[in-house]
Amino acid sequence: MEILIVLVGSFLLALVFLKIIKKQWHLPLAGRIGLSAMLLFTSIGHFIYPEGMALMLPAFLPLKTELIYFTGIIELAGAAGLLIPGFQRWTAWLLILFFVLILPANIYAAMQHVNLKTATNDGYGPAYLWFRIPLQFFLIMWTYVFGIRNSGNNF
């Protein structure tokens, strides 16, 4: 839920700020700013809660903590890339791929009842997937709409 609040809240703040500054609506840019803020927010979790996030990965994967740090860096790079005009489309495509690739980790974490903040198995469990899976598809659609389809338009 926090992810959605950061995404939509940042989008709305950016939208109003851009309207005040530029005297017109800039939905695609506000959408990319919102997504960048959300990615910055989620990347911080990779560095604050690496042990809990490592529990999201199945036992057969090696170097779990290193992989968590690496994906945190990917999210930081994605946040920056969305705001650089020459990179925003490629960044958006790569983020869509990233969102697809991390979905199994979110499913695994829910099945294992992973609590990221405490690095224990007393989290929400499979019921969390009723929110997380639609959220993942929403993030993919958001990235496509604001990062690819309308990356050069203001509407």
C-alpha atoms as a PDB file:
ATOM      1  CA  MET A   1       0.000   0.000   0.000  1.00  0.00           C
ATOM      2  CA  GLU A   2       2.889   2.364   0.774  1.00  0.00           C
ATOM      3  CA  ILE A   3       4.162   1.968  -2.784  1.00  0.00           C
ATOM      4  CA  LEU A   4       0.840   3.056  -4.221  1.00  0.00           C
ATOM      5  CA  ILE A   5       0.615   6.040  -1.863  1.00  0.00           C
ATOM      6  CA  VAL A   6       4.112   7.219  -2.833  1.00  0.00           C
ATOM      7  CA  LEU A   7       3.416   6.725  -6.554  1.00  0.00           C
ATOM      8  CA  VAL A   8       0.067   8.512  -6.669  1.00  0.00           C
ATOM      9  CA  GLY A   9       0.993  11.161  -4.094  1.00  0.00           C
ATOM     10  CA  SER A  10       4.211  12.070  -5.913  1.00  0.00           C
ATOM     11  CA  PHE A  11       2.372  12.105  -9.233  1.00  0.00           C
ATOM     12  CA  LEU A  12      -0.276  14.509  -7.913  1.00  0.00           C
ATOM     13  CA  LEU A  13       2.294  16.792  -6.273  1.00  0.00           C
ATOM     14  CA  ALA A  14       4.386  16.864  -9.443  1.00  0.00           C
ATOM     15  CA  LEU A  15       1.293  17.499 -11.560  1.00  0.00           C
ATOM     16  CA  VAL A  16       0.258  20.520  -9.492  1.00  0.00           C
ATOM     17  CA  PHE A  17       3.821  21.824  -9.227  1.00  0.00           C
ATOM     18  CA  LEU A  18       4.333  21.530 -13.004  1.00  0.00           C
ATOM     19  CA  LYS A  19       1.010  23.281 -13.642  1.00  0.00           C
ATOM     20  CA  ILE A  20       2.037  26.177 -11.400  1.00  0.00           C
ATOM     21  CA  ILE A  21       5.540  26.468 -12.862  1.00  0.00           C
ATOM     22  CA  LYS A  22       4.874  25.785 -16.566  1.00  0.00           C
ATOM     23  CA  LYS A  23       1.256  27.039 -16.718  1.00  0.00           C
ATOM     24  CA  GLN A  24       0.005  23.833 -18.344  1.00  0.00           C
ATOM     25  CA  TRP A  25      -0.574  20.190 -17.433  1.00  0.00           C
ATOM     26  CA  HIS A  26       2.348  17.787 -17.987  1.00  0.00           C
ATOM     27  CA  LEU A  27       0.827  14.384 -17.228  1.00  0.00           C
ATOM     28  CA  PRO A  28       3.589  12.227 -18.787  1.00  0.00           C
ATOM     29  CA  LEU A  29       6.353  14.052 -16.917  1.00  0.00           C
ATOM     30  CA  ALA A  30       4.346  13.975 -13.677  1.00  0.00           C
ATOM     31  CA  GLY A  31       3.786  10.244 -14.240  1.00  0.00           C
ATOM     32  CA  ARG A  32       7.509   9.648 -14.664  1.00  0.00           C
ATOM     33  CA  ILE A  33       8.292  11.762 -11.595  1.00  0.00           C
ATOM     34  CA  GLY A  34       5.779   9.738  -9.561  1.00  0.00           C
ATOM     35  CA  LEU A  35       7.275   6.463 -10.780  1.00  0.00           C
ATOM     36  CA  SER A  36      10.792   7.746 -10.072  1.00  0.00           C
ATOM     37  CA  ALA A  37       9.795   8.705  -6.529  1.00  0.00           C
ATOM     38  CA  MET A  38       8.238   5.273  -5.998  1.00  0.00           C
ATOM     39  CA  LEU A  39      11.398   3.561  -7.283  1.00  0.00           C
ATOM     40  CA  LEU A  40      13.544   5.700  -5.016  1.00  0.00           C
ATOM     41  CA  PHE A  41      11.298   4.737  -2.089  1.00  0.00           C
ATOM     42  CA  THR A  42      11.437   1.012  -2.881  1.00  0.00           C
ATOM     43  CA  SER A  43      15.194   1.067  -3.511  1.00  0.00           C
ATOM     44  CA  ILE A  44      15.767   2.417  -0.010  1.00  0.00           C
ATOM     45  CA  GLY A  45      14.156  -0.753   1.335  1.00  0.00           C
ATOM     46  CA  HIS A  46      16.821  -2.828  -0.406  1.00  0.00           C
ATOM     47  CA  PHE A  47      19.490  -1.088   1.661  1.00  0.00           C
ATOM     48  CA  ILE A  48      17.587  -0.783   4.955  1.00  0.00           C
ATOM     49  CA  TYR A  49      16.052  -4.294   5.002  1.00  0.00           C
ATOM     50  CA  PRO A  50      18.420  -6.515   2.978  1.00  0.00           C
ATOM     51  CA  GLU A  51      17.951  -9.516   5.291  1.00  0.00           C
ATOM     52  CA  GLY A  52      14.166  -9.396   4.984  1.00  0.00           C
ATOM     53  CA  MET A  53      14.319  -8.901   1.239  1.00  0.00           C
ATOM     54  CA  ALA A  54      16.774 -11.802   0.913  1.00  0.00           C
ATOM     55  CA  LEU A  55      14.060 -14.021   2.438  1.00  0.00           C
ATOM     56  CA  MET A  56      11.956 -13.228  -0.638  1.00  0.00           C
ATOM     57  CA  LEU A  57      14.322 -15.319  -2.751  1.00  0.00           C
ATOM     58  CA  PRO A  58      14.191 -19.111  -2.940  1.00  0.00           C
ATOM     59  CA  ALA A  59      16.927 -21.130  -1.234  1.00  0.00           C
ATOM     60  CA  PHE A  60      18.500 -22.307  -4.497  1.00  0.00           C
ATOM     61  CA  LEU A  61      19.581 -18.780  -5.481  1.00  0.00           C
ATOM     62  CA  PRO A  62      23.148 -17.902  -4.457  1.00  0.00           C
ATOM     63  CA  LEU A  63      24.351 -14.494  -3.262  1.00  0.00           C
ATOM     64  CA  LYS A  64      20.923 -13.377  -2.098  1.00  0.00           C
ATOM     65  CA  THR A  65      22.040 -10.282  -0.217  1.00  0.00           C
ATOM     66  CA  GLU A  66      24.206  -9.173  -3.124  1.00  0.00           C
ATOM     67  CA  LEU A  67      21.243  -9.679  -5.460  1.00  0.00           C
ATOM     68  CA  ILE A  68      19.095  -7.508  -3.184  1.00  0.00           C
ATOM     69  CA  TYR A  69      21.665  -4.707  -3.283  1.00  0.00           C
ATOM     70  CA  PHE A  70      21.952  -5.096  -7.061  1.00  0.00           C
ATOM     71  CA  THR A  71      18.198  -4.809  -7.570  1.00  0.00           C
ATOM     72  CA  GLY A  72      18.203  -1.749  -5.301  1.00  0.00           C
ATOM     73  CA  ILE A  73      20.780  -0.187  -7.610  1.00  0.00           C
ATOM     74  CA  ILE A  74      18.629  -1.125 -10.622  1.00  0.00           C
ATOM     75  CA  GLU A  75      15.711   0.713  -9.045  1.00  0.00           C
ATOM     76  CA  LEU A  76      17.882   3.787  -8.412  1.00  0.00           C
ATOM     77  CA  ALA A  77      19.102   3.725 -12.013  1.00  0.00           C
ATOM     78  CA  GLY A  78      15.521   3.325 -13.216  1.00  0.00           C
ATOM     79  CA  ALA A  79      14.411   6.309 -11.146  1.00  0.00           C
ATOM     80  CA  ALA A  80      17.116   8.448 -12.741  1.00  0.00           C
ATOM     81  CA  GLY A  81      16.690   7.073 -16.260  1.00  0.00           C
ATOM     82  CA  LEU A  82      13.003   7.927 -16.360  1.00  0.00           C
ATOM     83  CA  LEU A  83      13.879  11.600 -15.918  1.00  0.00           C
ATOM     84  CA  ILE A  84      16.610  11.789 -18.586  1.00  0.00           C
ATOM     85  CA  PRO A  85      14.945  12.510 -21.977  1.00  0.00           C
ATOM     86  CA  GLY A  86      17.301  10.391 -24.079  1.00  0.00           C
ATOM     87  CA  PHE A  87      16.941   7.396 -21.764  1.00  0.00           C
ATOM     88  CA  GLN A  88      13.326   7.425 -20.615  1.00  0.00           C
ATOM     89  CA  ARG A  89      11.887   5.048 -23.236  1.00  0.00           C
ATOM     90  CA  TRP A  90      14.656   2.446 -22.843  1.00  0.00           C
ATOM     91  CA  THR A  91      14.484   2.799 -19.095  1.00  0.00           C
ATOM     92  CA  ALA A  92      10.719   2.258 -19.169  1.00  0.00           C
ATOM     93  CA  TRP A  93      11.066  -0.911 -21.275  1.00  0.00           C
ATOM     94  CA  LEU A  94      13.747  -2.247 -18.937  1.00  0.00           C
ATOM     95  CA  LEU A  95      11.614  -1.417 -15.897  1.00  0.00           C
ATOM     96  CA  ILE A  96       8.683  -3.328 -17.378  1.00  0.00           C
ATOM     97  CA  LEU A  97      10.984  -6.336 -17.791  1.00  0.00           C
ATOM     98  CA  PHE A  98      12.224  -5.815 -14.214  1.00  0.00           C
ATOM     99  CA  PHE A  99       8.654  -5.686 -12.862  1.00  0.00           C
ATOM    100  CA  VAL A 100       7.844  -8.949 -14.655  1.00  0.00           C
ATOM    101  CA  LEU A 101      11.002 -10.629 -13.354  1.00  0.00           C
ATOM    102  CA  ILE A 102      10.434  -9.664  -9.709  1.00  0.00           C
ATOM    103  CA  LEU A 103       6.831 -10.865  -9.624  1.00  0.00           C
ATOM    104  CA  PRO A 104       7.856 -14.463  -8.769  1.00  0.00           C
ATOM    105  CA  ALA A 105       9.861 -13.153  -5.793  1.00  0.00           C
ATOM    106  CA  ASN A 106       6.781 -11.313  -4.540  1.00  0.00           C
ATOM    107  CA  ILE A 107       4.679 -14.459  -4.942  1.00  0.00           C
ATOM    108  CA  TYR A 108       7.316 -16.561  -3.169  1.00  0.00           C
ATOM    109  CA  ALA A 109       7.539 -14.005  -0.342  1.00  0.00           C
ATOM    110  CA  ALA A 110       3.787 -14.069   0.146  1.00  0.00           C
ATOM    111  CA  MET A 111       3.707 -17.868   0.188  1.00  0.00           C
ATOM    112  CA  GLN A 112       6.497 -17.852   2.807  1.00  0.00           C
ATOM    113  CA  HIS A 113       4.791 -15.108   4.883  1.00  0.00           C
ATOM    114  CA  VAL A 114       7.932 -12.954   4.640  1.00  0.00           C
ATOM    115  CA  ASN A 115       7.973  -9.815   6.756  1.00  0.00           C
ATOM    116  CA  LEU A 116      10.585  -7.601   5.083  1.00  0.00           C
ATOM    117  CA  LYS A 117      11.048  -5.242   8.003  1.00  0.00           C
ATOM    118  CA  THR A 118      11.672  -7.881  10.663  1.00  0.00           C
ATOM    119  CA  ALA A 119      13.255 -10.549   8.413  1.00  0.00           C
ATOM    120  CA  THR A 120      10.846 -13.138   9.814  1.00  0.00           C
ATOM    121  CA  ASN A 121       8.103 -15.338   8.441  1.00  0.00           C
ATOM    122  CA  ASP A 122       5.178 -13.660  10.171  1.00  0.00           C
ATOM    123  CA  GLY A 123       4.103 -11.436   7.266  1.00  0.00           C
ATOM    124  CA  TYR A 124       0.750 -11.080   5.528  1.00  0.00           C
ATOM    125  CA  GLY A 125       1.000 -14.314   3.578  1.00  0.00           C
ATOM    126  CA  PRO A 126      -0.876 -15.339   0.424  1.00  0.00           C
ATOM    127  CA  ALA A 127      -3.736 -12.888   1.060  1.00  0.00           C
ATOM    128  CA  TYR A 128      -1.216 -10.132   0.245  1.00  0.00           C
ATOM    129  CA  LEU A 129      -1.148 -11.382  -3.357  1.00  0.00           C
ATOM    130  CA  TRP A 130      -4.701 -10.121  -3.871  1.00  0.00           C
ATOM    131  CA  PHE A 131      -3.162  -6.647  -3.632  1.00  0.00           C
ATOM    132  CA  ARG A 132       0.377  -7.243  -4.898  1.00  0.00           C
ATOM    133  CA  ILE A 133      -0.331  -8.963  -8.221  1.00  0.00           C
ATOM    134  CA  PRO A 134      -2.800  -6.296  -9.444  1.00  0.00           C
ATOM    135  CA  LEU A 135      -0.353  -3.647  -8.173  1.00  0.00           C
ATOM    136  CA  GLN A 136       2.442  -5.207 -10.239  1.00  0.00           C
ATOM    137  CA  PHE A 137       0.281  -5.064 -13.383  1.00  0.00           C
ATOM    138  CA  PHE A 138      -0.706  -1.490 -12.512  1.00  0.00           C
ATOM    139  CA  LEU A 139       2.992  -0.539 -12.258  1.00  0.00           C
ATOM    140  CA  ILE A 140       3.660  -2.126 -15.641  1.00  0.00           C
ATOM    141  CA  MET A 141       0.768  -0.223 -17.217  1.00  0.00           C
ATOM    142  CA  TRP A 142       1.834   3.038 -15.529  1.00  0.00           C
ATOM    143  CA  THR A 143       5.377   2.586 -16.825  1.00  0.00           C
ATOM    144  CA  TYR A 144       4.133   1.909 -20.329  1.00  0.00           C
ATOM    145  CA  VAL A 145       1.696   4.839 -20.426  1.00  0.00           C
ATOM    146  CA  PHE A 146       4.011   7.471 -18.969  1.00  0.00           C
ATOM    147  CA  GLY A 147       7.410   6.111 -20.003  1.00  0.00           C
ATOM    148  CA  ILE A 148       6.790   4.757 -23.489  1.00  0.00           C
ATOM    149  CA  ARG A 149       3.453   5.616 -25.077  1.00  0.00           C
ATOM    150  CA  ASN A 150       3.324   9.247 -23.979  1.00  0.00           C
ATOM    151  CA  SER A 151       6.960   9.882 -23.161  1.00  0.00           C
ATOM    152  CA  GLY A 152       7.211  12.861 -25.510  1.00  0.00           C
ATOM    153  CA  ASN A 153       3.649  14.155 -25.178  1.00  0.00           C
ATOM    154  CA  ASN A 154       1.998  16.480 -22.725  1.00  0.00           C
ATOM    155  CA  PHE A 155      -1.663  15.736 -22.171  1.00  0.00           C
END
